[in-house]
Amino acid sequence: MHHLTQRELMYLDDFLKSEQLTYKSMNFFAEQCTDQTVKQLCLDCAQSHKQNFQTMLKHINSNSLQ
């Protein structure tokens, strides 16, 4: 198995933090929206970033247990 370098781990950490921040921000923006179309776009975007976060975390956790 390929072990990740410290730099690669930092990139993954930055990616996860970015996805989490974007997810939370888009949910916040959706709560502030009065236009239902814009609100739904924000919620869709939030869901996409949440899924990215969860998928990456799942891969990281499954590889770290091997």
C-alpha atoms as a PDB file:
ATOM      1  CA  MET A   1       0.000   0.000   0.000  1.00  0.00           C
ATOM      2  CA  HIS A   2       1.173   3.505  -0.820  1.00  0.00           C
ATOM      3  CA  HIS A   3       1.752   5.626   2.282  1.00  0.00           C
ATOM      4  CA  LEU A   4       0.882   9.276   1.899  1.00  0.00           C
ATOM      5  CA  THR A   5       3.473  11.951   2.413  1.00  0.00           C
ATOM      6  CA  GLN A   6       2.978  14.712   4.952  1.00  0.00           C
ATOM      7  CA  ARG A   7       2.246  17.117   2.115  1.00  0.00           C
ATOM      8  CA  GLU A   8      -0.404  14.806   0.639  1.00  0.00           C
ATOM      9  CA  LEU A   9      -2.040  14.487   4.046  1.00  0.00           C
ATOM     10  CA  MET A  10      -2.103  18.277   4.352  1.00  0.00           C
ATOM     11  CA  TYR A  11      -3.764  18.556   0.926  1.00  0.00           C
ATOM     12  CA  LEU A  12      -6.403  16.026   1.958  1.00  0.00           C
ATOM     13  CA  ASP A  13      -7.000  17.868   5.203  1.00  0.00           C
ATOM     14  CA  ASP A  14      -7.375  21.176   3.323  1.00  0.00           C
ATOM     15  CA  PHE A  15      -9.762  19.543   0.858  1.00  0.00           C
ATOM     16  CA  LEU A  16     -11.937  18.124   3.635  1.00  0.00           C
ATOM     17  CA  LYS A  17     -12.019  21.450   5.478  1.00  0.00           C
ATOM     18  CA  SER A  18     -12.914  23.270   2.270  1.00  0.00           C
ATOM     19  CA  GLU A  19     -15.741  20.870   1.434  1.00  0.00           C
ATOM     20  CA  GLN A  20     -17.095  21.102   4.977  1.00  0.00           C
ATOM     21  CA  LEU A  21     -16.937  24.897   5.007  1.00  0.00           C
ATOM     22  CA  THR A  22     -18.652  25.127   1.616  1.00  0.00           C
ATOM     23  CA  TYR A  23     -21.368  22.718   2.749  1.00  0.00           C
ATOM     24  CA  LYS A  24     -22.041  24.735   5.902  1.00  0.00           C
ATOM     25  CA  SER A  25     -21.911  28.055   4.047  1.00  0.00           C
ATOM     26  CA  MET A  26     -24.351  26.961   1.368  1.00  0.00           C
ATOM     27  CA  ASN A  27     -26.776  25.721   4.028  1.00  0.00           C
ATOM     28  CA  PHE A  28     -26.498  29.075   5.769  1.00  0.00           C
ATOM     29  CA  PHE A  29     -27.113  30.933   2.490  1.00  0.00           C
ATOM     30  CA  ALA A  30     -30.126  28.718   1.771  1.00  0.00           C
ATOM     31  CA  GLU A  31     -31.605  29.635   5.162  1.00  0.00           C
ATOM     32  CA  GLN A  32     -31.264  33.324   4.281  1.00  0.00           C
ATOM     33  CA  CYS A  33     -32.890  33.050   0.835  1.00  0.00           C
ATOM     34  CA  THR A  34     -36.439  34.094   0.177  1.00  0.00           C
ATOM     35  CA  ASP A  35     -36.335  33.141  -3.503  1.00  0.00           C
ATOM     36  CA  GLN A  36     -37.154  29.428  -3.643  1.00  0.00           C
ATOM     37  CA  THR A  37     -35.128  28.853  -6.834  1.00  0.00           C
ATOM     38  CA  VAL A  38     -31.974  30.325  -5.321  1.00  0.00           C
ATOM     39  CA  LYS A  39     -32.668  28.507  -2.055  1.00  0.00           C
ATOM     40  CA  GLN A  40     -32.880  25.175  -3.882  1.00  0.00           C
ATOM     41  CA  LEU A  41     -29.653  25.894  -5.784  1.00  0.00           C
ATOM     42  CA  CYS A  42     -27.893  26.556  -2.478  1.00  0.00           C
ATOM     43  CA  LEU A  43     -29.291  23.363  -0.956  1.00  0.00           C
ATOM     44  CA  ASP A  44     -28.246  21.328  -4.013  1.00  0.00           C
ATOM     45  CA  CYS A  45     -24.760  22.801  -3.841  1.00  0.00           C
ATOM     46  CA  ALA A  46     -24.566  22.069  -0.103  1.00  0.00           C
ATOM     47  CA  GLN A  47     -25.640  18.474  -0.672  1.00  0.00           C
ATOM     48  CA  SER A  48     -23.024  18.003  -3.383  1.00  0.00           C
ATOM     49  CA  HIS A  49     -20.224  19.264  -1.133  1.00  0.00           C
ATOM     50  CA  LYS A  50     -21.463  17.185   1.791  1.00  0.00           C
ATOM     51  CA  GLN A  51     -21.393  14.125  -0.460  1.00  0.00           C
ATOM     52  CA  ASN A  52     -17.847  14.974  -1.609  1.00  0.00           C
ATOM     53  CA  PHE A  53     -16.767  15.296   2.017  1.00  0.00           C
ATOM     54  CA  GLN A  54     -18.366  12.004   3.061  1.00  0.00           C
ATOM     55  CA  THR A  55     -17.019  10.111   0.043  1.00  0.00           C
ATOM     56  CA  MET A  56     -13.467  11.313   0.580  1.00  0.00           C
ATOM     57  CA  LEU A  57     -13.640  10.610   4.297  1.00  0.00           C
ATOM     58  CA  LYS A  58     -14.944   7.098   3.606  1.00  0.00           C
ATOM     59  CA  HIS A  59     -12.035   6.411   1.241  1.00  0.00           C
ATOM     60  CA  ILE A  60      -9.509   7.799   3.691  1.00  0.00           C
ATOM     61  CA  ASN A  61     -10.910   5.760   6.574  1.00  0.00           C
ATOM     62  CA  SER A  62     -11.136   2.541   4.563  1.00  0.00           C
ATOM     63  CA  ASN A  63      -7.535   2.907   3.379  1.00  0.00           C
ATOM     64  CA  SER A  64      -6.212   3.769   6.813  1.00  0.00           C
ATOM     65  CA  LEU A  65      -7.626   0.551   8.255  1.00  0.00           C
ATOM     66  CA  GLN A  66      -5.842  -1.673   5.748  1.00  0.00           C
END
